[in-house]
PDB file of N, CA and C in Angstrom:
ATOM      1  N   MET A   1     246.152  -6.837 265.988  1.00  0.00           N
ATOM      2  CA  MET A   1     247.137  -5.775 265.960  1.00  0.00           C
ATOM      3  C   MET A   1     246.626  -4.548 265.222  1.00  0.00           C
ATOM      4  N   ALA A   2     245.384  -4.567 264.880  1.00  0.00           N
ATOM      5  CA  ALA A   2     244.846  -3.445 264.115  1.00  0.00           C
ATOM      6  C   ALA A   2     245.046  -2.133 264.857  1.00  0.00           C
ATOM      7  N   GLY A   3     245.792  -1.212 264.242  1.00  0.00           N
ATOM      8  CA  GLY A   3     245.996   0.099 264.817  1.00  0.00           C
ATOM      9  C   GLY A   3     246.943   0.151 266.002  1.00  0.00           C
ATOM     10  N   ALA A   4     247.484  -0.977 266.419  1.00  0.00           N
ATOM     11  CA  ALA A   4     248.347  -1.010 267.598  1.00  0.00           C
ATOM     12  C   ALA A   4     249.798  -1.218 267.165  1.00  0.00           C
ATOM     13  N   ALA A   5     250.697  -0.707 267.967  1.00  0.00           N
ATOM     14  CA  ALA A   5     252.115  -0.936 267.717  1.00  0.00           C
ATOM     15  C   ALA A   5     252.474  -2.350 268.148  1.00  0.00           C
ATOM     16  N   ALA A   6     253.531  -2.889 267.580  1.00  0.00           N
ATOM     17  CA  ALA A   6     254.001  -4.217 267.970  1.00  0.00           C
ATOM     18  C   ALA A   6     254.491  -4.175 269.421  1.00  0.00           C
ATOM     19  N   PRO A   7     254.396  -5.294 270.131  1.00  0.00           N
ATOM     20  CA  PRO A   7     254.909  -5.331 271.504  1.00  0.00           C
ATOM     21  C   PRO A   7     256.381  -4.925 271.561  1.00  0.00           C
ATOM     22  N   LYS A   8     256.777  -4.311 272.666  1.00  0.00           N
ATOM     23  CA  LYS A   8     258.139  -3.779 272.801  1.00  0.00           C
ATOM     24  C   LYS A   8     259.232  -4.839 272.700  1.00  0.00           C
ATOM     25  N   ASP A   9     258.921  -6.094 273.067  1.00  0.00           N
ATOM     26  CA  ASP A   9     259.964  -7.117 273.024  1.00  0.00           C
ATOM     27  C   ASP A   9     260.106  -7.775 271.648  1.00  0.00           C
ATOM     28  N   TRP A  10     259.266  -7.408 270.675  1.00  0.00           N
ATOM     29  CA  TRP A  10     259.428  -7.906 269.313  1.00  0.00           C
ATOM     30  C   TRP A  10     260.513  -7.080 268.627  1.00  0.00           C
ATOM     31  N   ARG A  11     261.373  -7.749 267.858  1.00  0.00           N
ATOM     32  CA  ARG A  11     262.456  -7.063 267.145  1.00  0.00           C
ATOM     33  C   ARG A  11     262.139  -7.033 265.656  1.00  0.00           C
ATOM     34  N   LEU A  12     262.023  -5.824 265.099  1.00  0.00           N
ATOM     35  CA  LEU A  12     261.745  -5.676 263.670  1.00  0.00           C
ATOM     36  C   LEU A  12     262.950  -6.138 262.870  1.00  0.00           C
ATOM     37  N   VAL A  13     262.730  -7.076 261.960  1.00  0.00           N
ATOM     38  CA  VAL A  13     263.802  -7.613 261.121  1.00  0.00           C
ATOM     39  C   VAL A  13     263.840  -6.872 259.789  1.00  0.00           C
ATOM     40  N   SER A  14     262.677  -6.728 259.156  1.00  0.00           N
ATOM     41  CA  SER A  14     262.606  -5.995 257.893  1.00  0.00           C
ATOM     42  C   SER A  14     261.171  -5.561 257.640  1.00  0.00           C
ATOM     43  N   ALA A  15     261.021  -4.616 256.736  1.00  0.00           N
ATOM     44  CA  ALA A  15     259.704  -4.128 256.349  1.00  0.00           C
ATOM     45  C   ALA A  15     259.720  -3.872 254.843  1.00  0.00           C
ATOM     46  N   HIS A  16     258.599  -4.181 254.215  1.00  0.00           N
ATOM     47  CA  HIS A  16     258.486  -4.023 252.772  1.00  0.00           C
ATOM     48  C   HIS A  16     257.121  -3.450 252.434  1.00  0.00           C
ATOM     49  N   ALA A  17     257.071  -2.614 251.402  1.00  0.00           N
ATOM     50  CA  ALA A  17     255.814  -2.074 250.898  1.00  0.00           C
ATOM     51  C   ALA A  17     255.592  -2.628 249.498  1.00  0.00           C
ATOM     52  N   VAL A  18     254.417  -3.175 249.273  1.00  0.00           N
ATOM     53  CA  VAL A  18     254.065  -3.721 247.964  1.00  0.00           C
ATOM     54  C   VAL A  18     252.950  -2.855 247.393  1.00  0.00           C
ATOM     55  N   HIS A  19     253.199  -2.257 246.234  1.00  0.00           N
ATOM     56  CA  HIS A  19     252.201  -1.402 245.588  1.00  0.00           C
ATOM     57  C   HIS A  19     251.163  -2.291 244.925  1.00  0.00           C
ATOM     58  N   LEU A  20     249.896  -2.092 245.265  1.00  0.00           N
ATOM     59  CA  LEU A  20     248.806  -2.898 244.724  1.00  0.00           C
ATOM     60  C   LEU A  20     248.060  -2.181 243.606  1.00  0.00           C
ATOM     61  N   GLY A  21     248.459  -0.963 243.305  1.00  0.00           N
ATOM     62  CA  GLY A  21     247.793  -0.177 242.278  1.00  0.00           C
ATOM     63  C   GLY A  21     246.755   0.750 242.888  1.00  0.00           C
ATOM     64  N   ALA A  22     246.402   1.795 242.169  1.00  0.00           N
ATOM     65  CA  ALA A  22     245.375   2.760 242.565  1.00  0.00           C
ATOM     66  C   ALA A  22     245.622   3.353 243.945  1.00  0.00           C
ATOM     67  N   GLY A  23     246.888   3.596 244.297  1.00  0.00           N
ATOM     68  CA  GLY A  23     247.217   4.224 245.571  1.00  0.00           C
ATOM     69  C   GLY A  23     247.117   3.308 246.770  1.00  0.00           C
ATOM     70  N   LYS A  24     246.999   1.994 246.549  1.00  0.00           N
ATOM     71  CA  LYS A  24     246.878   1.039 247.657  1.00  0.00           C
ATOM     72  C   LYS A  24     248.184   0.266 247.823  1.00  0.00           C
ATOM     73  N   PHE A  25     248.529   0.019 249.105  1.00  0.00           N
ATOM     74  CA  PHE A  25     249.765  -0.679 249.436  1.00  0.00           C
ATOM     75  C   PHE A  25     249.500  -1.737 250.496  1.00  0.00           C
ATOM     76  N   CYS A  26     250.313  -2.775 250.467  1.00  0.00           N
ATOM     77  CA  CYS A  26     250.357  -3.748 251.557  1.00  0.00           C
ATOM     78  C   CYS A  26     251.726  -3.587 252.205  1.00  0.00           C
ATOM     79  N   ILE A  27     251.733  -3.312 253.494  1.00  0.00           N
ATOM     80  CA  ILE A  27     252.977  -3.172 254.242  1.00  0.00           C
ATOM     81  C   ILE A  27     253.196  -4.476 254.997  1.00  0.00           C
ATOM     82  N   ALA A  28     254.354  -5.093 254.805  1.00  0.00           N
ATOM     83  CA  ALA A  28     254.691  -6.335 255.497  1.00  0.00           C
ATOM     84  C   ALA A  28     255.865  -6.049 256.426  1.00  0.00           C
ATOM     85  N   ARG A  29     255.677  -6.295 257.730  1.00  0.00           N
ATOM     86  CA  ARG A  29     256.746  -6.114 258.722  1.00  0.00           C
ATOM     87  C   ARG A  29     257.065  -7.471 259.315  1.00  0.00           C
ATOM     88  N   PHE A  30     258.343  -7.847 259.261  1.00  0.00           N
ATOM     89  CA  PHE A  30     258.793  -9.143 259.759  1.00  0.00           C
ATOM     90  C   PHE A  30     259.479  -8.953 261.109  1.00  0.00           C
ATOM     91  N   TYR A  31     259.085  -9.757 262.102  1.00  0.00           N
ATOM     92  CA  TYR A  31     259.582  -9.637 263.471  1.00  0.00           C
ATOM     93  C   TYR A  31     260.155 -10.946 263.974  1.00  0.00           C
ATOM     94  N   ASP A  32     261.203 -10.847 264.796  1.00  0.00           N
ATOM     95  CA  ASP A  32     261.665 -11.945 265.653  1.00  0.00           C
ATOM     96  C   ASP A  32     261.033 -11.719 267.006  1.00  0.00           C
ATOM     97  N   VAL A  33     260.515 -12.782 267.592  1.00  0.00           N
ATOM     98  CA  VAL A  33     259.806 -12.694 268.868  1.00  0.00           C
ATOM     99  C   VAL A  33     260.552 -13.533 269.890  1.00  0.00           C
ATOM    100  N   PRO A  34     260.727 -13.036 271.118  1.00  0.00           N
ATOM    101  CA  PRO A  34     261.438 -13.807 272.146  1.00  0.00           C
ATOM    102  C   PRO A  34     260.814 -15.187 272.359  1.00  0.00           C
ATOM    103  N   ALA A  35     261.655 -16.124 272.724  1.00  0.00           N
ATOM    104  CA  ALA A  35     261.209 -17.504 272.951  1.00  0.00           C
ATOM    105  C   ALA A  35     260.234 -17.562 274.116  1.00  0.00           C
ATOM    106  N   ARG A  36     259.266 -18.463 273.980  1.00  0.00           N
ATOM    107  CA  ARG A  36     258.316 -18.751 275.048  1.00  0.00           C
ATOM    108  C   ARG A  36     258.565 -20.189 275.497  1.00  0.00           C
ATOM    109  N   PRO A  37     258.004 -20.608 276.613  1.00  0.00           N
ATOM    110  CA  PRO A  37     258.183 -21.995 277.053  1.00  0.00           C
ATOM    111  C   PRO A  37     257.804 -22.979 275.942  1.00  0.00           C
ATOM    112  N   ARG A  38     258.631 -23.943 275.718  1.00  0.00           N
ATOM    113  CA  ARG A  38     258.465 -25.007 274.724  1.00  0.00           C
ATOM    114  C   ARG A  38     258.564 -24.524 273.279  1.00  0.00           C
ATOM    115  N   VAL A  39     258.937 -23.281 273.069  1.00  0.00           N
ATOM    116  CA  VAL A  39     259.125 -22.754 271.720  1.00  0.00           C
ATOM    117  C   VAL A  39     260.480 -22.061 271.692  1.00  0.00           C
ATOM    118  N   SER A  40     261.376 -22.546 270.825  1.00  0.00           N
ATOM    119  CA  SER A  40     262.729 -21.997 270.819  1.00  0.00           C
ATOM    120  C   SER A  40     262.780 -20.575 270.250  1.00  0.00           C
ATOM    121  N   GLU A  41     262.075 -20.332 269.172  1.00  0.00           N
ATOM    122  CA  GLU A  41     262.072 -19.002 268.561  1.00  0.00           C
ATOM    123  C   GLU A  41     260.834 -18.895 267.702  1.00  0.00           C
ATOM    124  N   GLU A  42     260.300 -17.707 267.629  1.00  0.00           N
ATOM    125  CA  GLU A  42     259.143 -17.485 266.771  1.00  0.00           C
ATOM    126  C   GLU A  42     259.412 -16.297 265.871  1.00  0.00           C
ATOM    127  N   ASN A  43     258.855 -16.361 264.684  1.00  0.00           N
ATOM    128  CA  ASN A  43     258.912 -15.254 263.743  1.00  0.00           C
ATOM    129  C   ASN A  43     257.485 -14.940 263.329  1.00  0.00           C
ATOM    130  N   PHE A  44     257.182 -13.663 263.245  1.00  0.00           N
ATOM    131  CA  PHE A  44     255.859 -13.238 262.820  1.00  0.00           C
ATOM    132  C   PHE A  44     255.986 -12.226 261.708  1.00  0.00           C
ATOM    133  N   VAL A  45     254.975 -12.181 260.877  1.00  0.00           N
ATOM    134  CA  VAL A  45     254.844 -11.108 259.902  1.00  0.00           C
ATOM    135  C   VAL A  45     253.501 -10.438 260.150  1.00  0.00           C
ATOM    136  N   VAL A  46     253.506  -9.125 260.095  1.00  0.00           N
ATOM    137  CA  VAL A  46     252.278  -8.350 260.247  1.00  0.00           C
ATOM    138  C   VAL A  46     252.029  -7.657 258.912  1.00  0.00           C
ATOM    139  N   PHE A  47     250.848  -7.917 258.344  1.00  0.00           N
ATOM    140  CA  PHE A  47     250.445  -7.285 257.098  1.00  0.00           C
ATOM    141  C   PHE A  47     249.470  -6.164 257.419  1.00  0.00           C
ATOM    142  N   ALA A  48     249.673  -5.017 256.813  1.00  0.00           N
ATOM    143  CA  ALA A  48     248.775  -3.878 257.012  1.00  0.00           C
ATOM    144  C   ALA A  48     248.433  -3.282 255.655  1.00  0.00           C
ATOM    145  N   GLY A  49     247.176  -2.969 255.466  1.00  0.00           N
ATOM    146  CA  GLY A  49     246.742  -2.324 254.237  1.00  0.00           C
ATOM    147  C   GLY A  49     246.662  -0.822 254.453  1.00  0.00           C
ATOM    148  N   VAL A  50     247.208  -0.061 253.512  1.00  0.00           N
ATOM    149  CA  VAL A  50     247.113   1.402 253.567  1.00  0.00           C
ATOM    150  C   VAL A  50     246.749   1.911 252.180  1.00  0.00           C
ATOM    151  N   GLU A  51     246.166   3.090 252.184  1.00  0.00           N
ATOM    152  CA  GLU A  51     245.753   3.720 250.930  1.00  0.00           C
ATOM    153  C   GLU A  51     246.190   5.182 250.969  1.00  0.00           C
ATOM    154  N   VAL A  52     246.771   5.652 249.885  1.00  0.00           N
ATOM    155  CA  VAL A  52     247.184   7.048 249.769  1.00  0.00           C
ATOM    156  C   VAL A  52     246.112   7.753 248.948  1.00  0.00           C
ATOM    157  N   VAL A  53     245.494   8.775 249.560  1.00  0.00           N
ATOM    158  CA  VAL A  53     244.424   9.501 248.875  1.00  0.00           C
ATOM    159  C   VAL A  53     244.750  10.990 248.857  1.00  0.00           C
ATOM    160  N   SER A  54     244.241  11.649 247.852  1.00  0.00           N
ATOM    161  CA  SER A  54     244.448  13.088 247.690  1.00  0.00           C
ATOM    162  C   SER A  54     243.366  13.842 248.439  1.00  0.00           C
ATOM    163  N   SER A  55     243.735  15.006 248.963  1.00  0.00           N
ATOM    164  CA  SER A  55     242.737  15.873 249.591  1.00  0.00           C
ATOM    165  C   SER A  55     241.826  16.425 248.502  1.00  0.00           C
ATOM    166  N   GLY A  56     240.752  17.060 248.902  1.00  0.00           N
ATOM    167  CA  GLY A  56     239.785  17.591 247.944  1.00  0.00           C
ATOM    168  C   GLY A  56     240.388  18.519 246.907  1.00  0.00           C
ATOM    169  N   ASP A  57     241.367  19.341 247.316  1.00  0.00           N
ATOM    170  CA  ASP A  57     241.969  20.285 246.370  1.00  0.00           C
ATOM    171  C   ASP A  57     243.175  19.692 245.649  1.00  0.00           C
ATOM    172  N   GLY A  58     243.567  18.467 246.013  1.00  0.00           N
ATOM    173  CA  GLY A  58     244.671  17.792 245.334  1.00  0.00           C
ATOM    174  C   GLY A  58     246.049  18.273 245.733  1.00  0.00           C
ATOM    175  N   ARG A  59     246.151  19.111 246.762  1.00  0.00           N
ATOM    176  CA  ARG A  59     247.453  19.659 247.163  1.00  0.00           C
ATOM    177  C   ARG A  59     248.102  18.880 248.289  1.00  0.00           C
ATOM    178  N   GLU A  60     247.367  17.995 248.940  1.00  0.00           N
ATOM    179  CA  GLU A  60     247.919  17.210 250.043  1.00  0.00           C
ATOM    180  C   GLU A  60     247.556  15.745 249.866  1.00  0.00           C
ATOM    181  N   LEU A  61     248.398  14.891 250.416  1.00  0.00           N
ATOM    182  CA  LEU A  61     248.128  13.456 250.415  1.00  0.00           C
ATOM    183  C   LEU A  61     247.876  12.992 251.844  1.00  0.00           C
ATOM    184  N   ARG A  62     246.977  12.041 252.009  1.00  0.00           N
ATOM    185  CA  ARG A  62     246.704  11.436 253.312  1.00  0.00           C
ATOM    186  C   ARG A  62     246.901   9.935 253.190  1.00  0.00           C
ATOM    187  N   ILE A  63     247.255   9.318 254.287  1.00  0.00           N
ATOM    188  CA  ILE A  63     247.351   7.862 254.346  1.00  0.00           C
ATOM    189  C   ILE A  63     246.188   7.354 255.181  1.00  0.00           C
ATOM    190  N   VAL A  64     245.393   6.485 254.575  1.00  0.00           N
ATOM    191  CA  VAL A  64     244.270   5.865 255.258  1.00  0.00           C
ATOM    192  C   VAL A  64     244.692   4.457 255.645  1.00  0.00           C
ATOM    193  N   LYS A  65     244.694   4.163 256.952  1.00  0.00           N
ATOM    194  CA  LYS A  65     245.095   2.848 257.422  1.00  0.00           C
ATOM    195  C   LYS A  65     243.897   1.913 257.397  1.00  0.00           C
ATOM    196  N   HIS A  66     244.141   0.718 256.924  1.00  0.00           N
ATOM    197  CA  HIS A  66     243.105  -0.307 256.882  1.00  0.00           C
ATOM    198  C   HIS A  66     243.490  -1.424 257.848  1.00  0.00           C
ATOM    199  N   ARG A  67     242.914  -2.525 257.714  1.00  0.00           N
ATOM    200  CA  ARG A  67     243.085  -3.663 258.629  1.00  0.00           C
ATOM    201  C   ARG A  67     244.524  -4.200 258.657  1.00  0.00           C
ATOM    202  N   SER A  68     244.940  -4.680 259.842  1.00  0.00           N
ATOM    203  CA  SER A  68     246.225  -5.348 260.012  1.00  0.00           C
ATOM    204  C   SER A  68     245.972  -6.762 260.521  1.00  0.00           C
ATOM    205  N   GLU A  69     246.820  -7.687 260.097  1.00  0.00           N
ATOM    206  CA  GLU A  69     246.716  -9.088 260.543  1.00  0.00           C
ATOM    207  C   GLU A  69     248.101  -9.644 260.811  1.00  0.00           C
ATOM    208  N   ARG A  70     248.179 -10.500 261.841  1.00  0.00           N
ATOM    209  CA  ARG A  70     249.433 -11.180 262.149  1.00  0.00           C
ATOM    210  C   ARG A  70     249.332 -12.593 261.647  1.00  0.00           C
TER     211      ARG A  70
END
């Protein structure tokens, strides 16, 4: 899921940001996923790492996206 949006049929249940220090965050998004054959319901969480960095002059902030995992 790195850099990709969640599939359209996934329903976002909640999202949380955990501050890791030094401008780094872990974003956790919890999804309900439609049932598949032989599976009544599935839930997934997608973790994404992001970093907030200052521009060279310190007047703007940028978000640098890092790896995502399901």
